[in-house]
Amino acid sequence: MVSKRTLKKPTVRWIIFGGIAALLLAGALTYFVGNTTKAPAGNLEQNVTLEGKVVCLSHKNEDGPHTLECAIGFKTSSGKTYALQFDSTDLSLSSTAGSDKNVRITGTLVNDTDTKYKTDGKLRVDHFELIK
C-alpha cells in the first residue's frame, strides 16, 4: 500500500522545480529581448575617393575637461567629417592633421557614428595622396 505522503513529495518537488524553471526562462527572455540592439538602418559600406583635409575631430560633449590629443579625422571639401581608420604604422597621414594640406583618400565609407567625436561616419583608408 502506498501512503499519501509518498505521492505528495514528488508532486510538490515538481511544482517547485517547474515554477523555478518558468521564472528563470521568463527572466532570461526579458533580459535578452530587452537588451538586443539592432544595426542602424543604412549601415552600408561604400568605396569612395574623397578630397579634403586631415583634421583633429571635435568632441560631441564639449563640457568638461578634454585631453590635448588629436583624434585624426577627415573633413571633405563638402564639409562632412569622418573618423579615419588606417594603418597606424604609417605616420605620414596623421602628420598632415592641421597642416591645411589637401589630401585625396580612397577607402571604404561606413555609416558608423558611434564615437565620442562629431562625425558623419568612418572612413577606412586604403590609399591616400597629397594634392595641390
N, C-alpha and C. Protein backbone atom coordinates (compact mmCIF):
# COMPACT_ATOMS: atom_id res chain seq x y z
N MET A 1 0.83 -1.17 0.00
CA MET A 1 0.00 0.00 0.00
C MET A 1 0.88 1.25 0.00
N VAL A 2 0.52 2.21 -0.82
CA VAL A 2 1.29 3.45 -0.96
C VAL A 2 0.62 4.51 -0.11
N SER A 3 1.40 5.19 0.68
CA SER A 3 0.82 6.22 1.55
C SER A 3 0.65 7.53 0.78
N LYS A 4 -0.19 8.42 1.33
CA LYS A 4 -0.44 9.72 0.72
C LYS A 4 0.83 10.58 0.75
N ARG A 5 1.63 10.44 1.78
CA ARG A 5 2.83 11.24 1.95
C ARG A 5 3.82 10.95 0.81
N THR A 6 3.96 9.76 0.37
CA THR A 6 4.87 9.40 -0.70
C THR A 6 4.43 10.03 -2.02
N LEU A 7 3.14 10.11 -2.28
CA LEU A 7 2.65 10.71 -3.51
C LEU A 7 2.81 12.23 -3.50
N LYS A 8 2.67 12.89 -2.38
CA LYS A 8 2.73 14.34 -2.31
C LYS A 8 4.14 14.88 -2.52
N LYS A 9 5.17 14.24 -1.96
CA LYS A 9 6.52 14.77 -2.03
C LYS A 9 7.00 14.96 -3.47
N PRO A 10 6.93 13.95 -4.32
CA PRO A 10 7.40 14.19 -5.70
C PRO A 10 6.56 15.22 -6.43
N THR A 11 5.28 15.28 -6.19
CA THR A 11 4.42 16.24 -6.85
C THR A 11 4.79 17.67 -6.45
N VAL A 12 5.00 17.90 -5.18
CA VAL A 12 5.38 19.23 -4.68
C VAL A 12 6.75 19.62 -5.24
N ARG A 13 7.67 18.68 -5.29
CA ARG A 13 9.01 18.97 -5.84
C ARG A 13 8.92 19.37 -7.30
N TRP A 14 8.10 18.67 -8.08
CA TRP A 14 7.96 19.01 -9.49
C TRP A 14 7.29 20.36 -9.69
N ILE A 15 6.36 20.69 -8.86
CA ILE A 15 5.70 22.00 -8.94
C ILE A 15 6.72 23.11 -8.63
N ILE A 16 7.51 22.92 -7.59
CA ILE A 16 8.53 23.92 -7.23
C ILE A 16 9.57 24.02 -8.34
N PHE A 17 10.04 22.87 -8.84
CA PHE A 17 11.03 22.85 -9.91
C PHE A 17 10.48 23.55 -11.17
N GLY A 18 9.26 23.26 -11.52
CA GLY A 18 8.63 23.88 -12.70
C GLY A 18 8.46 25.37 -12.52
N GLY A 19 8.09 25.81 -11.32
CA GLY A 19 7.95 27.25 -11.05
C GLY A 19 9.28 27.98 -11.17
N ILE A 20 10.33 27.39 -10.63
CA ILE A 20 11.66 28.00 -10.71
C ILE A 20 12.13 28.05 -12.17
N ALA A 21 11.90 26.96 -12.90
CA ALA A 21 12.30 26.93 -14.31
C ALA A 21 11.54 27.98 -15.11
N ALA A 22 10.26 28.16 -14.83
CA ALA A 22 9.46 29.16 -15.54
C ALA A 22 9.96 30.57 -15.23
N LEU A 23 10.30 30.84 -13.98
CA LEU A 23 10.83 32.15 -13.60
C LEU A 23 12.17 32.42 -14.28
N LEU A 24 13.05 31.42 -14.31
CA LEU A 24 14.34 31.60 -14.97
C LEU A 24 14.16 31.85 -16.47
N LEU A 25 13.27 31.12 -17.09
CA LEU A 25 13.01 31.30 -18.51
C LEU A 25 12.43 32.69 -18.79
N ALA A 26 11.48 33.13 -17.98
CA ALA A 26 10.89 34.46 -18.15
C ALA A 26 11.95 35.55 -17.95
N GLY A 27 12.81 35.38 -16.95
CA GLY A 27 13.87 36.35 -16.72
C GLY A 27 14.86 36.41 -17.86
N ALA A 28 15.25 35.25 -18.38
CA ALA A 28 16.19 35.21 -19.50
C ALA A 28 15.59 35.85 -20.74
N LEU A 29 14.34 35.55 -21.04
CA LEU A 29 13.69 36.15 -22.20
C LEU A 29 13.59 37.67 -22.06
N THR A 30 13.23 38.13 -20.87
CA THR A 30 13.14 39.57 -20.63
C THR A 30 14.50 40.23 -20.81
N TYR A 31 15.54 39.62 -20.31
CA TYR A 31 16.89 40.18 -20.42
C TYR A 31 17.33 40.25 -21.88
N PHE A 32 17.22 39.13 -22.60
CA PHE A 32 17.73 39.09 -23.96
C PHE A 32 16.88 39.89 -24.93
N VAL A 33 15.59 39.89 -24.78
CA VAL A 33 14.73 40.66 -25.67
C VAL A 33 14.89 42.15 -25.37
N GLY A 34 15.04 42.52 -24.12
CA GLY A 34 15.18 43.93 -23.75
C GLY A 34 16.54 44.50 -24.07
N ASN A 35 17.58 43.66 -24.24
CA ASN A 35 18.94 44.16 -24.47
C ASN A 35 19.45 43.93 -25.88
N THR A 36 18.58 43.65 -26.81
CA THR A 36 19.05 43.48 -28.18
C THR A 36 19.17 44.85 -28.82
N THR A 37 20.21 45.03 -29.58
CA THR A 37 20.38 46.27 -30.32
C THR A 37 20.38 45.94 -31.79
N LYS A 38 19.67 46.72 -32.53
CA LYS A 38 19.58 46.50 -33.96
C LYS A 38 20.61 47.37 -34.66
N ALA A 39 21.14 46.87 -35.75
CA ALA A 39 22.08 47.66 -36.54
C ALA A 39 21.35 48.86 -37.10
N PRO A 40 21.98 50.01 -37.10
CA PRO A 40 21.33 51.19 -37.64
C PRO A 40 20.96 50.99 -39.11
N ALA A 41 19.84 51.55 -39.48
CA ALA A 41 19.41 51.44 -40.86
C ALA A 41 20.41 52.16 -41.75
N GLY A 42 20.69 51.60 -42.89
CA GLY A 42 21.59 52.24 -43.83
C GLY A 42 23.06 52.11 -43.46
N ASN A 43 23.42 51.10 -42.69
CA ASN A 43 24.81 50.90 -42.31
C ASN A 43 25.52 50.16 -43.43
N LEU A 44 25.56 50.80 -44.61
CA LEU A 44 26.15 50.19 -45.78
C LEU A 44 27.57 50.68 -45.95
N GLU A 45 28.41 49.81 -46.46
CA GLU A 45 29.78 50.20 -46.77
C GLU A 45 29.84 50.59 -48.23
N GLN A 46 30.64 51.63 -48.50
CA GLN A 46 30.71 52.16 -49.85
C GLN A 46 32.15 52.55 -50.16
N ASN A 47 32.66 52.11 -51.30
CA ASN A 47 34.00 52.50 -51.73
C ASN A 47 33.94 53.91 -52.31
N VAL A 48 34.83 54.79 -51.83
CA VAL A 48 34.79 56.19 -52.24
C VAL A 48 36.21 56.72 -52.45
N THR A 49 36.29 57.82 -53.15
CA THR A 49 37.50 58.64 -53.23
C THR A 49 37.06 60.05 -52.89
N LEU A 50 37.63 60.60 -51.83
CA LEU A 50 37.23 61.92 -51.34
C LEU A 50 38.43 62.85 -51.25
N GLU A 51 38.17 64.13 -51.40
CA GLU A 51 39.21 65.14 -51.24
C GLU A 51 38.85 66.06 -50.09
N GLY A 52 39.86 66.46 -49.35
CA GLY A 52 39.65 67.35 -48.22
C GLY A 52 40.92 67.51 -47.43
N LYS A 53 40.76 67.72 -46.13
CA LYS A 53 41.90 67.95 -45.24
C LYS A 53 41.83 67.04 -44.02
N VAL A 54 42.99 66.63 -43.55
CA VAL A 54 43.07 65.83 -42.33
C VAL A 54 43.00 66.80 -41.17
N VAL A 55 42.09 66.52 -40.22
CA VAL A 55 41.83 67.44 -39.11
C VAL A 55 41.80 66.67 -37.79
N CYS A 56 41.79 67.42 -36.70
CA CYS A 56 41.53 66.83 -35.38
C CYS A 56 40.02 66.90 -35.17
N LEU A 57 39.43 65.79 -34.77
CA LEU A 57 37.98 65.72 -34.60
C LEU A 57 37.54 66.46 -33.33
N SER A 58 36.35 67.05 -33.39
CA SER A 58 35.76 67.72 -32.23
C SER A 58 34.98 66.71 -31.39
N HIS A 59 34.97 66.91 -30.08
CA HIS A 59 34.20 66.06 -29.17
C HIS A 59 32.71 66.37 -29.29
N LYS A 60 31.88 65.33 -29.17
CA LYS A 60 30.43 65.54 -29.12
C LYS A 60 30.05 66.29 -27.86
N ASN A 61 30.61 65.87 -26.74
CA ASN A 61 30.34 66.51 -25.45
C ASN A 61 31.45 67.52 -25.20
N GLU A 62 31.12 68.78 -25.37
CA GLU A 62 32.13 69.82 -25.22
C GLU A 62 32.27 70.31 -23.79
N ASP A 63 31.45 69.81 -22.87
CA ASP A 63 31.54 70.19 -21.46
C ASP A 63 32.62 69.36 -20.79
N GLY A 64 33.28 69.95 -19.83
CA GLY A 64 34.25 69.20 -19.04
C GLY A 64 35.63 69.18 -19.68
N PRO A 65 36.58 68.58 -18.98
CA PRO A 65 37.96 68.57 -19.45
C PRO A 65 38.16 67.57 -20.60
N HIS A 66 39.11 67.89 -21.46
CA HIS A 66 39.49 67.03 -22.58
C HIS A 66 41.00 66.96 -22.65
N THR A 67 41.51 65.88 -23.20
CA THR A 67 42.95 65.78 -23.39
C THR A 67 43.37 66.62 -24.58
N LEU A 68 44.64 66.86 -24.71
CA LEU A 68 45.16 67.64 -25.82
C LEU A 68 45.52 66.77 -27.02
N GLU A 69 45.21 65.48 -26.94
CA GLU A 69 45.49 64.58 -28.03
C GLU A 69 44.59 64.89 -29.22
N CYS A 70 45.05 64.52 -30.38
CA CYS A 70 44.29 64.76 -31.61
C CYS A 70 43.74 63.44 -32.13
N ALA A 71 42.43 63.34 -32.18
CA ALA A 71 41.79 62.19 -32.82
C ALA A 71 41.73 62.51 -34.31
N ILE A 72 42.46 61.74 -35.11
CA ILE A 72 42.61 62.04 -36.54
C ILE A 72 41.30 61.81 -37.28
N GLY A 73 40.89 62.83 -38.04
CA GLY A 73 39.70 62.75 -38.85
C GLY A 73 39.93 63.36 -40.21
N PHE A 74 38.89 63.39 -41.01
CA PHE A 74 38.99 63.90 -42.38
C PHE A 74 37.78 64.77 -42.65
N LYS A 75 38.02 66.00 -43.09
CA LYS A 75 36.94 66.91 -43.45
C LYS A 75 36.96 67.10 -44.95
N THR A 76 35.85 66.70 -45.59
CA THR A 76 35.79 66.78 -47.05
C THR A 76 35.58 68.22 -47.49
N SER A 77 35.80 68.46 -48.76
CA SER A 77 35.59 69.80 -49.30
C SER A 77 34.11 70.18 -49.26
N SER A 78 33.21 69.19 -49.11
CA SER A 78 31.78 69.50 -48.99
C SER A 78 31.37 69.73 -47.53
N GLY A 79 32.32 69.57 -46.58
CA GLY A 79 32.04 69.88 -45.18
C GLY A 79 31.74 68.69 -44.28
N LYS A 80 31.66 67.48 -44.83
CA LYS A 80 31.41 66.30 -43.99
C LYS A 80 32.70 65.90 -43.29
N THR A 81 32.55 65.36 -42.06
CA THR A 81 33.71 64.96 -41.27
C THR A 81 33.61 63.47 -40.97
N TYR A 82 34.74 62.77 -41.15
CA TYR A 82 34.78 61.33 -40.94
C TYR A 82 35.94 60.96 -40.01
N ALA A 83 35.69 59.98 -39.16
CA ALA A 83 36.77 59.39 -38.38
C ALA A 83 37.58 58.54 -39.34
N LEU A 84 38.90 58.53 -39.16
CA LEU A 84 39.75 57.76 -40.05
C LEU A 84 40.21 56.48 -39.37
N GLN A 85 40.19 55.41 -40.12
CA GLN A 85 40.73 54.14 -39.67
C GLN A 85 41.80 53.75 -40.68
N PHE A 86 43.07 53.73 -40.21
CA PHE A 86 44.17 53.45 -41.12
C PHE A 86 45.28 52.75 -40.37
N ASP A 87 46.24 52.25 -41.11
CA ASP A 87 47.38 51.55 -40.52
C ASP A 87 48.19 52.55 -39.71
N SER A 88 48.22 52.39 -38.41
CA SER A 88 48.85 53.37 -37.53
C SER A 88 50.37 53.42 -37.68
N THR A 89 50.95 52.46 -38.39
CA THR A 89 52.40 52.50 -38.59
C THR A 89 52.79 53.51 -39.66
N ASP A 90 51.81 53.95 -40.46
CA ASP A 90 52.07 54.95 -41.48
C ASP A 90 51.75 56.32 -40.89
N LEU A 91 52.75 57.03 -40.42
CA LEU A 91 52.55 58.31 -39.74
C LEU A 91 52.39 59.48 -40.70
N SER A 92 52.63 59.28 -41.99
CA SER A 92 52.56 60.41 -42.91
C SER A 92 51.15 60.96 -43.05
N LEU A 93 50.12 60.14 -42.91
CA LEU A 93 48.75 60.65 -42.98
C LEU A 93 48.41 61.44 -41.73
N SER A 94 48.71 60.91 -40.56
CA SER A 94 48.38 61.62 -39.32
C SER A 94 49.20 62.89 -39.15
N SER A 95 50.38 62.95 -39.76
CA SER A 95 51.20 64.15 -39.63
C SER A 95 50.65 65.33 -40.42
N THR A 96 49.71 65.08 -41.33
CA THR A 96 49.11 66.17 -42.09
C THR A 96 47.97 66.85 -41.35
N ALA A 97 47.59 66.33 -40.18
CA ALA A 97 46.49 66.91 -39.41
C ALA A 97 46.83 68.34 -39.02
N GLY A 98 45.93 69.26 -39.36
CA GLY A 98 46.12 70.66 -39.01
C GLY A 98 47.10 71.39 -39.92
N SER A 99 47.63 70.73 -40.92
CA SER A 99 48.63 71.35 -41.79
C SER A 99 48.01 72.14 -42.93
N ASP A 100 46.71 72.05 -43.11
CA ASP A 100 45.97 72.73 -44.17
C ASP A 100 46.35 72.21 -45.56
N LYS A 101 46.92 71.00 -45.62
CA LYS A 101 47.26 70.38 -46.90
C LYS A 101 46.06 69.60 -47.41
N ASN A 102 45.84 69.67 -48.70
CA ASN A 102 44.75 68.91 -49.31
C ASN A 102 45.19 67.47 -49.55
N VAL A 103 44.27 66.55 -49.29
CA VAL A 103 44.55 65.12 -49.39
C VAL A 103 43.43 64.45 -50.17
N ARG A 104 43.78 63.46 -50.96
CA ARG A 104 42.79 62.61 -51.64
C ARG A 104 42.89 61.24 -50.99
N ILE A 105 41.75 60.76 -50.47
CA ILE A 105 41.72 59.47 -49.79
C ILE A 105 40.78 58.53 -50.53
N THR A 106 41.26 57.33 -50.79
CA THR A 106 40.43 56.26 -51.34
C THR A 106 40.28 55.21 -50.26
N GLY A 107 39.03 54.80 -50.03
CA GLY A 107 38.78 53.81 -48.99
C GLY A 107 37.33 53.41 -48.93
N THR A 108 36.96 52.86 -47.80
CA THR A 108 35.61 52.37 -47.59
C THR A 108 34.91 53.25 -46.57
N LEU A 109 33.78 53.80 -46.97
CA LEU A 109 32.99 54.67 -46.11
C LEU A 109 31.94 53.85 -45.38
N VAL A 110 31.89 53.98 -44.05
CA VAL A 110 30.95 53.23 -43.22
C VAL A 110 30.10 54.21 -42.44
N ASN A 111 28.81 53.98 -42.40
CA ASN A 111 27.89 54.85 -41.65
C ASN A 111 27.97 54.47 -40.18
N ASP A 112 29.07 54.82 -39.54
CA ASP A 112 29.29 54.47 -38.13
C ASP A 112 29.61 55.74 -37.37
N THR A 113 28.63 56.27 -36.63
CA THR A 113 28.84 57.50 -35.87
C THR A 113 28.88 57.22 -34.38
N ASP A 114 29.15 55.97 -34.01
CA ASP A 114 29.16 55.58 -32.61
C ASP A 114 30.54 55.86 -32.00
N THR A 115 30.89 57.12 -31.92
CA THR A 115 32.14 57.54 -31.32
C THR A 115 31.86 58.71 -30.40
N LYS A 116 32.87 59.15 -29.69
CA LYS A 116 32.70 60.31 -28.82
C LYS A 116 33.00 61.61 -29.56
N TYR A 117 33.20 61.50 -30.88
CA TYR A 117 33.53 62.66 -31.70
C TYR A 117 32.41 62.97 -32.68
N LYS A 118 32.34 64.22 -33.12
CA LYS A 118 31.34 64.63 -34.10
C LYS A 118 31.80 64.16 -35.47
N THR A 119 31.11 63.15 -36.02
CA THR A 119 31.47 62.62 -37.33
C THR A 119 30.22 62.28 -38.12
N ASP A 120 30.39 62.19 -39.41
CA ASP A 120 29.32 61.73 -40.30
C ASP A 120 29.51 60.27 -40.67
N GLY A 121 30.51 59.62 -40.09
CA GLY A 121 30.78 58.21 -40.37
C GLY A 121 32.25 57.91 -40.16
N LYS A 122 32.65 56.76 -40.68
CA LYS A 122 34.04 56.32 -40.56
C LYS A 122 34.57 56.01 -41.95
N LEU A 123 35.82 56.38 -42.18
CA LEU A 123 36.46 56.14 -43.46
C LEU A 123 37.67 55.24 -43.24
N ARG A 124 37.59 54.01 -43.77
CA ARG A 124 38.72 53.08 -43.70
C ARG A 124 39.63 53.37 -44.89
N VAL A 125 40.83 53.82 -44.60
CA VAL A 125 41.75 54.29 -45.63
C VAL A 125 42.47 53.12 -46.30
N ASP A 126 42.34 53.05 -47.63
CA ASP A 126 43.11 52.09 -48.41
C ASP A 126 44.33 52.77 -49.02
N HIS A 127 44.16 54.01 -49.46
CA HIS A 127 45.22 54.76 -50.12
C HIS A 127 44.97 56.25 -49.93
N PHE A 128 46.04 57.01 -49.81
CA PHE A 128 45.91 58.46 -49.76
C PHE A 128 47.08 59.11 -50.48
N GLU A 129 46.85 60.34 -50.92
CA GLU A 129 47.92 61.10 -51.55
C GLU A 129 47.70 62.58 -51.31
N LEU A 130 48.80 63.31 -51.16
CA LEU A 130 48.73 64.76 -51.04
C LEU A 130 48.46 65.35 -52.41
N ILE A 131 47.58 66.35 -52.46
CA ILE A 131 47.27 67.01 -53.74
C ILE A 131 47.49 68.51 -53.59
N LYS A 132 47.64 69.18 -54.70
CA LYS A 132 47.88 70.62 -54.67
C LYS A 132 46.59 71.38 -54.74
